[in-house]
C-alpha atoms as a PDB file:
ATOM      1  CA  MET A   1    -140.504-115.155 -28.535  1.00  0.00           C
ATOM      2  CA  ARG A   2    -139.054-113.890 -31.786  1.00  0.00           C
ATOM      3  CA  LYS A   3    -142.323-112.109 -32.669  1.00  0.00           C
ATOM      4  CA  LYS A   4    -142.421-110.420 -29.234  1.00  0.00           C
ATOM      5  CA  LEU A   5    -138.824-109.233 -29.687  1.00  0.00           C
ATOM      6  CA  LEU A   6    -139.627-107.821 -33.137  1.00  0.00           C
ATOM      7  CA  ASN A   7    -142.710-106.031 -31.783  1.00  0.00           C
ATOM      8  CA  THR A   8    -140.637-104.562 -28.944  1.00  0.00           C
ATOM      9  CA  LEU A   9    -137.940-103.358 -31.377  1.00  0.00           C
ATOM     10  CA  LEU A  10    -140.597-101.841 -33.647  1.00  0.00           C
ATOM     11  CA  LEU A  11    -142.156-100.013 -30.691  1.00  0.00           C
ATOM     12  CA  ILE A  12    -138.755 -98.670 -29.622  1.00  0.00           C
ATOM     13  CA  ALA A  13    -138.043 -97.503 -33.170  1.00  0.00           C
ATOM     14  CA  LEU A  14    -141.406 -95.713 -33.393  1.00  0.00           C
ATOM     15  CA  VAL A  15    -140.953 -93.992 -30.046  1.00  0.00           C
ATOM     16  CA  ALA A  16    -137.379 -92.986 -30.845  1.00  0.00           C
ATOM     17  CA  SER A  17    -138.268 -91.633 -34.289  1.00  0.00           C
ATOM     18  CA  ASN A  18    -141.155 -89.663 -32.806  1.00  0.00           C
ATOM     19  CA  ALA A  19    -138.934 -88.216 -30.061  1.00  0.00           C
ATOM     20  CA  ILE A  20    -136.247 -87.276 -32.578  1.00  0.00           C
ATOM     21  CA  SER A  21    -138.720 -85.598 -34.907  1.00  0.00           C
ATOM     22  CA  GLN A  22    -140.092 -83.333 -32.189  1.00  0.00           C
ATOM     23  CA  THR A  23    -138.318 -80.041 -31.678  1.00  0.00           C
ATOM     24  CA  ALA A  24    -138.697 -77.364 -29.072  1.00  0.00           C
ATOM     25  CA  THR A  25    -137.891 -73.718 -29.559  1.00  0.00           C
ATOM     26  CA  LEU A  26    -136.942 -71.586 -26.597  1.00  0.00           C
ATOM     27  CA  THR A  27    -138.533 -68.182 -26.933  1.00  0.00           C
ATOM     28  CA  PRO A  28    -137.657 -65.571 -24.304  1.00  0.00           C
ATOM     29  CA  LEU A  29    -140.854 -64.177 -22.799  1.00  0.00           C
ATOM     30  CA  LEU A  30    -139.337 -61.487 -20.658  1.00  0.00           C
ATOM     31  CA  GLU A  31    -136.059 -59.794 -20.127  1.00  0.00           C
ATOM     32  CA  ILE A  32    -135.243 -61.081 -16.661  1.00  0.00           C
ATOM     33  CA  ASP A  33    -132.241 -59.672 -14.848  1.00  0.00           C
ATOM     34  CA  GLY A  34    -131.277 -62.385 -12.408  1.00  0.00           C
ATOM     35  CA  ALA A  35    -134.893 -63.212 -11.584  1.00  0.00           C
ATOM     36  CA  ALA A  36    -136.388 -66.625 -10.985  1.00  0.00           C
ATOM     37  CA  ILE A  37    -140.062 -67.111 -11.839  1.00  0.00           C
ATOM     38  CA  THR A  38    -141.476 -69.550  -9.311  1.00  0.00           C
ATOM     39  CA  SER A  39    -145.155 -69.643 -10.260  1.00  0.00           C
ATOM     40  CA  ILE A  40    -147.515 -68.940 -13.136  1.00  0.00           C
ATOM     41  CA  SER A  41    -151.247 -68.394 -12.679  1.00  0.00           C
ATOM     42  CA  THR A  42    -153.403 -71.240 -13.934  1.00  0.00           C
ATOM     43  CA  ASN A  43    -154.759 -69.042 -16.731  1.00  0.00           C
ATOM     44  CA  GLY A  44    -151.213 -68.229 -17.915  1.00  0.00           C
ATOM     45  CA  LYS A  45    -151.611 -64.449 -17.625  1.00  0.00           C
ATOM     46  CA  TRP A  46    -149.484 -63.736 -14.533  1.00  0.00           C
ATOM     47  CA  ALA A  47    -146.208 -64.934 -13.044  1.00  0.00           C
ATOM     48  CA  CYS A  48    -144.373 -64.224  -9.819  1.00  0.00           C
ATOM     49  CA  GLY A  49    -140.916 -64.826  -8.462  1.00  0.00           C
ATOM     50  CA  SER A  50    -137.887 -63.114  -7.039  1.00  0.00           C
ATOM     51  CA  THR A  51    -134.883 -61.139  -8.156  1.00  0.00           C
ATOM     52  CA  PHE A  52    -131.625 -61.751  -6.345  1.00  0.00           C
ATOM     53  CA  ASN A  53    -129.055 -59.097  -5.514  1.00  0.00           C
ATOM     54  CA  ASN A  54    -125.858 -59.005  -3.503  1.00  0.00           C
ATOM     55  CA  ASN A  55    -126.583 -55.757  -1.636  1.00  0.00           C
ATOM     56  CA  ASP A  56    -123.107 -54.368  -2.280  1.00  0.00           C
ATOM     57  CA  GLY A  57    -121.422 -57.461  -0.873  1.00  0.00           C
ATOM     58  CA  ALA A  58    -123.561 -57.617   2.270  1.00  0.00           C
ATOM     59  CA  GLY A  59    -125.091 -60.975   1.336  1.00  0.00           C
ATOM     60  CA  TYR A  60    -127.750 -62.152  -1.058  1.00  0.00           C
ATOM     61  CA  GLN A  61    -131.266 -60.853  -0.677  1.00  0.00           C
ATOM     62  CA  SER A  62    -134.290 -61.603  -2.791  1.00  0.00           C
ATOM     63  CA  ASN A  63    -136.939 -59.132  -3.855  1.00  0.00           C
ATOM     64  CA  ALA A  64    -140.380 -60.327  -4.942  1.00  0.00           C
ATOM     65  CA  SER A  65    -141.803 -59.366  -8.341  1.00  0.00           C
ATOM     66  CA  LYS A  66    -144.809 -60.144 -10.505  1.00  0.00           C
ATOM     67  CA  TRP A  67    -145.083 -60.097 -14.285  1.00  0.00           C
ATOM     68  CA  ASN A  68    -147.994 -59.562 -16.626  1.00  0.00           C
ATOM     69  CA  LEU A  69    -147.247 -62.278 -19.191  1.00  0.00           C
ATOM     70  CA  GLU A  70    -149.419 -60.625 -21.843  1.00  0.00           C
ATOM     71  CA  THR A  71    -147.497 -57.333 -21.789  1.00  0.00           C
ATOM     72  CA  GLY A  72    -144.192 -58.369 -20.197  1.00  0.00           C
ATOM     73  CA  GLU A  73    -144.609 -55.597 -17.604  1.00  0.00           C
ATOM     74  CA  ARG A  74    -142.884 -56.240 -14.307  1.00  0.00           C
ATOM     75  CA  THR A  75    -144.027 -54.931 -10.922  1.00  0.00           C
ATOM     76  CA  TYR A  76    -141.629 -54.943  -7.989  1.00  0.00           C
ATOM     77  CA  LEU A  77    -143.373 -55.906  -4.773  1.00  0.00           C
ATOM     78  CA  VAL A  78    -141.032 -53.852  -2.617  1.00  0.00           C
ATOM     79  CA  THR A  79    -140.377 -50.132  -2.828  1.00  0.00           C
ATOM     80  CA  GLU A  80    -136.964 -48.698  -3.555  1.00  0.00           C
ATOM     81  CA  ASP A  81    -136.620 -47.929   0.166  1.00  0.00           C
ATOM     82  CA  GLU A  82    -137.275 -51.610   0.891  1.00  0.00           C
ATOM     83  CA  SER A  83    -134.798 -52.974  -1.651  1.00  0.00           C
ATOM     84  CA  ASN A  84    -132.848 -54.653   1.144  1.00  0.00           C
ATOM     85  CA  ALA A  85    -136.018 -56.218   2.584  1.00  0.00           C
ATOM     86  CA  GLN A  86    -135.988 -59.985   2.092  1.00  0.00           C
ATOM     87  CA  SER A  87    -139.107 -60.978   0.150  1.00  0.00           C
ATOM     88  CA  ASP A  88    -140.093 -63.863  -2.107  1.00  0.00           C
ATOM     89  CA  ALA A  89    -143.186 -64.574  -4.194  1.00  0.00           C
ATOM     90  CA  PHE A  90    -144.258 -68.209  -4.565  1.00  0.00           C
ATOM     91  CA  ALA A  91    -147.837 -68.214  -5.921  1.00  0.00           C
ATOM     92  CA  ILE A  92    -150.196 -65.821  -7.709  1.00  0.00           C
ATOM     93  CA  THR A  93    -153.942 -65.761  -8.389  1.00  0.00           C
ATOM     94  CA  ASN A  94    -155.496 -65.705 -11.857  1.00  0.00           C
ATOM     95  CA  ASP A  95    -156.179 -61.976 -11.714  1.00  0.00           C
ATOM     96  CA  GLY A  96    -152.691 -61.134 -10.410  1.00  0.00           C
ATOM     97  CA  SER A  97    -154.105 -59.293  -7.409  1.00  0.00           C
ATOM     98  CA  LEU A  98    -152.929 -61.688  -4.672  1.00  0.00           C
ATOM     99  CA  ILE A  99    -149.417 -63.061  -4.278  1.00  0.00           C
ATOM    100  CA  VAL A 100    -148.251 -65.259  -1.418  1.00  0.00           C
ATOM    101  CA  GLY A 101    -144.688 -65.650  -0.213  1.00  0.00           C
ATOM    102  CA  GLN A 102    -142.575 -64.259   2.566  1.00  0.00           C
ATOM    103  CA  TYR A 103    -141.695 -60.762   3.689  1.00  0.00           C
ATOM    104  CA  LEU A 104    -138.884 -60.174   6.176  1.00  0.00           C
ATOM    105  CA  TYR A 105    -138.792 -63.943   6.798  1.00  0.00           C
ATOM    106  CA  GLN A 106    -142.475 -64.027   7.780  1.00  0.00           C
ATOM    107  CA  PRO A 107    -145.197 -65.856   5.860  1.00  0.00           C
ATOM    108  CA  ALA A 108    -147.089 -63.130   4.051  1.00  0.00           C
ATOM    109  CA  TYR A 109    -149.377 -62.156   1.222  1.00  0.00           C
ATOM    110  CA  TYR A 110    -149.185 -59.127  -1.045  1.00  0.00           C
ATOM    111  CA  THR A 111    -152.278 -57.276  -2.206  1.00  0.00           C
ATOM    112  CA  LYS A 112    -153.235 -53.664  -3.000  1.00  0.00           C
ATOM    113  CA  GLY A 113    -149.620 -52.481  -2.875  1.00  0.00           C
ATOM    114  CA  ALA A 114    -148.649 -53.838   0.555  1.00  0.00           C
ATOM    115  CA  TRP A 115    -147.347 -56.946   2.297  1.00  0.00           C
ATOM    116  CA  HIS A 116    -149.428 -58.423   5.124  1.00  0.00           C
ATOM    117  CA  THR A 117    -147.794 -60.951   7.442  1.00  0.00           C
ATOM    118  CA  LEU A 118    -149.577 -64.098   8.565  1.00  0.00           C
ATOM    119  CA  GLU A 119    -149.764 -65.343  12.140  1.00  0.00           C
ATOM    120  CA  LEU A 120    -147.152 -67.791  13.405  1.00  0.00           C
ATOM    121  CA  THR A 121    -147.816 -70.606  15.863  1.00  0.00           C
ATOM    122  CA  GLN A 122    -146.109 -70.138  19.237  1.00  0.00           C
ATOM    123  CA  GLY A 123    -142.507 -71.332  19.133  1.00  0.00           C
ATOM    124  CA  TYR A 124    -142.112 -70.635  15.409  1.00  0.00           C
ATOM    125  CA  THR A 125    -140.388 -67.447  14.336  1.00  0.00           C
ATOM    126  CA  ILE A 126    -140.029 -67.519  10.532  1.00  0.00           C
ATOM    127  CA  GLY A 127    -141.854 -69.005   7.584  1.00  0.00           C
ATOM    128  CA  GLU A 128    -143.260 -68.691   4.106  1.00  0.00           C
ATOM    129  CA  ALA A 129    -146.604 -68.976   2.373  1.00  0.00           C
ATOM    130  CA  ARG A 130    -146.210 -71.308  -0.614  1.00  0.00           C
ATOM    131  CA  ASP A 131    -149.605 -71.582  -2.310  1.00  0.00           C
ATOM    132  CA  VAL A 132    -153.003 -69.921  -2.489  1.00  0.00           C
ATOM    133  CA  ALA A 133    -156.406 -71.255  -3.506  1.00  0.00           C
ATOM    134  CA  ILE A 134    -159.779 -69.598  -3.625  1.00  0.00           C
ATOM    135  CA  VAL A 135    -162.440 -72.193  -2.927  1.00  0.00           C
ATOM    136  CA  ASN A 136    -166.134 -71.258  -2.721  1.00  0.00           C
ATOM    137  CA  GLY A 137    -165.174 -67.629  -2.129  1.00  0.00           C
ATOM    138  CA  ASP A 138    -162.793 -68.446   0.735  1.00  0.00           C
ATOM    139  CA  THR A 139    -159.086 -67.813   0.343  1.00  0.00           C
ATOM    140  CA  ILE A 140    -156.867 -70.599   1.622  1.00  0.00           C
ATOM    141  CA  ILE A 141    -153.127 -70.035   1.989  1.00  0.00           C
ATOM    142  CA  VAL A 142    -150.750 -72.847   2.864  1.00  0.00           C
ATOM    143  CA  GLY A 143    -147.042 -72.890   3.599  1.00  0.00           C
ATOM    144  CA  ARG A 144    -144.533 -73.815   6.234  1.00  0.00           C
ATOM    145  CA  ILE A 145    -143.108 -72.277   9.360  1.00  0.00           C
ATOM    146  CA  PHE A 146    -139.830 -72.883  11.179  1.00  0.00           C
ATOM    147  CA  ASP A 147    -138.361 -72.274  14.563  1.00  0.00           C
ATOM    148  CA  GLY A 148    -135.506 -69.800  14.585  1.00  0.00           C
ATOM    149  CA  ASP A 149    -133.074 -72.274  16.125  1.00  0.00           C
ATOM    150  CA  GLY A 150    -131.379 -73.564  13.006  1.00  0.00           C
ATOM    151  CA  TYR A 151    -134.671 -74.600  11.380  1.00  0.00           C
ATOM    152  CA  GLN A 152    -134.872 -77.673  13.621  1.00  0.00           C
ATOM    153  CA  LYS A 153    -138.661 -77.684  13.818  1.00  0.00           C
ATOM    154  CA  VAL A 154    -140.736 -77.403  10.653  1.00  0.00           C
ATOM    155  CA  GLN A 155    -144.505 -77.323  10.562  1.00  0.00           C
ATOM    156  CA  SER A 156    -146.985 -77.141   7.694  1.00  0.00           C
ATOM    157  CA  ALA A 157    -149.403 -74.271   8.058  1.00  0.00           C
ATOM    158  CA  LYS A 158    -152.797 -73.195   6.728  1.00  0.00           C
ATOM    159  CA  TRP A 159    -154.188 -69.702   7.035  1.00  0.00           C
END
Protein backbone atom coordinates (compact mmCIF):
# COMPACT_ATOMS: atom_id res chain seq x y z
CA MET A 1 0.00 0.00 0.00
CA ARG A 2 2.76 2.38 0.99
CA LYS A 3 4.75 1.55 -2.17
CA LYS A 4 1.68 2.17 -4.36
CA LEU A 5 1.13 5.55 -2.68
CA LEU A 6 4.77 6.52 -3.23
CA ASN A 7 4.59 5.49 -6.89
CA THR A 8 1.41 7.53 -7.33
CA LEU A 9 3.01 10.60 -5.70
CA LEU A 10 6.10 10.20 -7.88
CA LEU A 11 3.94 10.00 -11.01
CA ILE A 12 2.02 13.12 -9.99
CA ALA A 13 5.28 14.97 -9.33
CA LEU A 14 6.67 13.98 -12.74
CA VAL A 15 3.52 15.02 -14.57
CA ALA A 16 3.29 18.30 -12.68
CA SER A 17 6.95 19.17 -13.25
CA ASN A 18 6.60 18.38 -16.94
CA ALA A 19 3.46 20.52 -17.24
CA ILE A 20 5.11 23.41 -15.41
CA SER A 21 8.23 23.26 -17.56
CA GLN A 22 6.28 23.53 -20.81
CA THR A 23 5.56 27.02 -22.06
CA ALA A 24 3.45 28.28 -24.90
CA THR A 25 4.00 31.51 -26.76
CA LEU A 26 1.10 33.23 -28.44
CA THR A 27 2.22 34.62 -31.77
CA PRO A 28 -0.30 36.69 -33.74
CA LEU A 29 -0.63 35.27 -37.24
CA LEU A 30 -2.87 37.91 -38.71
CA GLU A 31 -4.21 41.28 -37.86
CA ILE A 32 -7.87 40.41 -37.39
CA ASP A 33 -10.37 43.19 -36.89
CA GLY A 34 -13.23 41.55 -35.05
CA ALA A 35 -12.99 38.36 -37.10
CA ALA A 36 -13.41 34.82 -35.89
CA ILE A 37 -11.53 32.08 -37.75
CA THR A 38 -13.73 29.00 -37.70
CA SER A 39 -11.72 26.55 -39.81
CA ILE A 40 -8.21 25.87 -41.05
CA SER A 41 -7.46 23.64 -44.03
CA THR A 42 -5.88 20.32 -43.14
CA ASN A 43 -2.61 21.38 -44.78
CA GLY A 44 -2.49 24.56 -42.66
CA LYS A 45 -2.30 26.94 -45.63
CA TRP A 46 -5.81 28.44 -45.58
CA ALA A 47 -8.32 29.61 -43.00
CA CYS A 48 -11.87 30.89 -43.18
CA GLY A 49 -14.27 32.62 -40.85
CA SER A 50 -16.38 35.71 -40.43
CA THR A 51 -16.05 39.34 -39.49
CA PHE A 52 -18.81 40.86 -37.42
CA ASN A 53 -20.13 44.39 -37.79
CA ASN A 54 -23.00 46.34 -36.30
CA ASN A 55 -24.25 47.88 -39.55
CA ASP A 56 -24.57 51.35 -38.03
CA GLY A 57 -26.70 50.09 -35.16
CA ALA A 58 -29.05 48.04 -37.35
CA GLY A 59 -28.01 44.74 -35.77
CA TYR A 60 -25.04 42.43 -36.05
CA GLN A 61 -24.21 40.90 -39.39
CA SER A 62 -21.36 38.61 -40.28
CA ASN A 63 -19.32 38.72 -43.45
CA ALA A 64 -17.35 35.67 -44.60
CA SER A 65 -13.61 35.89 -45.26
CA LYS A 66 -10.72 33.60 -46.11
CA TRP A 67 -7.04 34.02 -45.26
CA ASN A 68 -3.89 32.76 -46.91
CA LEU A 69 -1.94 31.71 -43.81
CA GLU A 70 1.39 31.80 -45.66
CA THR A 71 1.06 35.46 -46.68
CA GLY A 72 -1.55 36.74 -44.22
CA GLU A 73 -3.62 38.05 -47.15
CA ARG A 74 -7.33 38.28 -46.48
CA THR A 75 -10.08 37.92 -49.09
CA TYR A 76 -13.59 39.12 -48.31
CA LEU A 77 -16.20 36.75 -49.70
CA VAL A 78 -18.76 39.50 -50.18
CA THR A 79 -18.42 42.63 -52.27
CA GLU A 80 -18.63 46.10 -50.80
CA ASP A 81 -22.19 46.33 -52.15
CA GLU A 82 -23.02 43.14 -50.23
CA SER A 83 -21.49 44.25 -46.93
CA ASN A 84 -24.89 43.97 -45.25
CA ALA A 85 -25.43 40.46 -46.67
CA GLN A 86 -25.33 37.87 -43.89
CA SER A 87 -22.63 35.32 -44.73
CA ASP A 88 -20.45 32.92 -42.75
CA ALA A 89 -17.60 30.61 -43.72
CA PHE A 90 -17.26 27.34 -41.80
CA ALA A 91 -14.89 25.09 -43.79
CA ILE A 92 -12.26 25.45 -46.52
CA THR A 93 -10.47 23.03 -48.85
CA ASN A 94 -6.70 22.52 -48.95
CA ASP A 95 -6.29 24.70 -52.03
CA GLY A 96 -8.50 27.49 -50.67
CA SER A 97 -10.75 27.39 -53.73
CA LEU A 98 -13.92 26.07 -52.05
CA ILE A 99 -15.49 27.44 -48.88
CA VAL A 100 -18.76 26.24 -47.38
CA GLY A 101 -21.02 28.22 -45.08
CA GLN A 102 -24.17 30.24 -45.42
CA TYR A 103 -25.18 33.17 -47.58
CA LEU A 104 -28.34 35.14 -46.82
CA TYR A 105 -29.30 32.42 -44.32
CA GLN A 106 -29.12 29.70 -46.98
CA PRO A 107 -26.64 26.81 -46.97
CA ALA A 108 -24.10 27.74 -49.62
CA TYR A 109 -20.64 27.29 -51.02
CA TYR A 110 -18.26 29.92 -52.36
CA THR A 111 -16.05 29.30 -55.37
CA LYS A 112 -14.68 31.34 -58.29
CA GLY A 113 -15.78 34.64 -56.75
CA ALA A 114 -19.46 33.82 -56.13
CA TRP A 115 -21.79 32.23 -53.59
CA HIS A 116 -23.98 29.33 -54.74
CA THR A 117 -26.90 28.30 -52.54
CA LEU A 118 -27.72 24.67 -51.86
CA GLU A 119 -31.17 23.11 -52.11
CA LEU A 120 -33.39 22.97 -49.04
CA THR A 121 -35.77 20.14 -48.21
CA GLN A 122 -39.45 21.13 -48.35
CA GLY A 123 -40.55 22.76 -45.10
CA TYR A 124 -37.08 24.09 -44.28
CA THR A 125 -36.29 27.70 -45.05
CA ILE A 126 -32.80 28.47 -43.70
CA GLY A 127 -29.58 26.60 -43.05
CA GLU A 128 -25.83 26.38 -43.23
CA ALA A 129 -23.20 24.15 -44.76
CA ARG A 130 -20.70 23.20 -42.05
CA ASP A 131 -18.09 20.93 -43.63
CA VAL A 132 -16.73 19.82 -46.99
CA ALA A 133 -14.86 16.69 -48.03
CA ILE A 134 -13.57 15.58 -51.39
CA VAL A 135 -13.66 11.81 -51.54
CA ASN A 136 -12.65 9.91 -54.70
CA GLY A 137 -13.17 13.07 -56.75
CA ASP A 138 -16.68 13.69 -55.40
CA THR A 139 -17.38 16.74 -53.28
CA ILE A 140 -19.52 16.08 -50.23
CA ILE A 141 -20.95 18.98 -48.24
CA VAL A 142 -22.76 18.47 -44.96
CA GLY A 143 -24.59 20.87 -42.68
CA ARG A 144 -27.94 21.53 -41.11
CA ILE A 145 -31.19 23.14 -42.11
CA PHE A 146 -33.97 24.68 -40.02
CA ASP A 147 -37.56 25.61 -40.42
CA GLY A 148 -38.22 29.33 -40.25
CA ASP A 149 -40.65 29.00 -37.35
CA GLY A 150 -38.33 29.70 -34.46
CA TYR A 151 -35.88 26.95 -35.47
CA GLN A 152 -38.23 24.29 -34.09
CA LYS A 153 -37.27 21.66 -36.65
CA VAL A 154 -33.61 20.91 -37.34
CA GLN A 155 -32.37 18.40 -39.87
CA SER A 156 -28.88 17.26 -40.83
CA ALA A 157 -28.23 17.60 -44.53
CA LYS A 158 -25.84 16.25 -47.16
CA TRP A 159 -25.38 17.74 -50.59
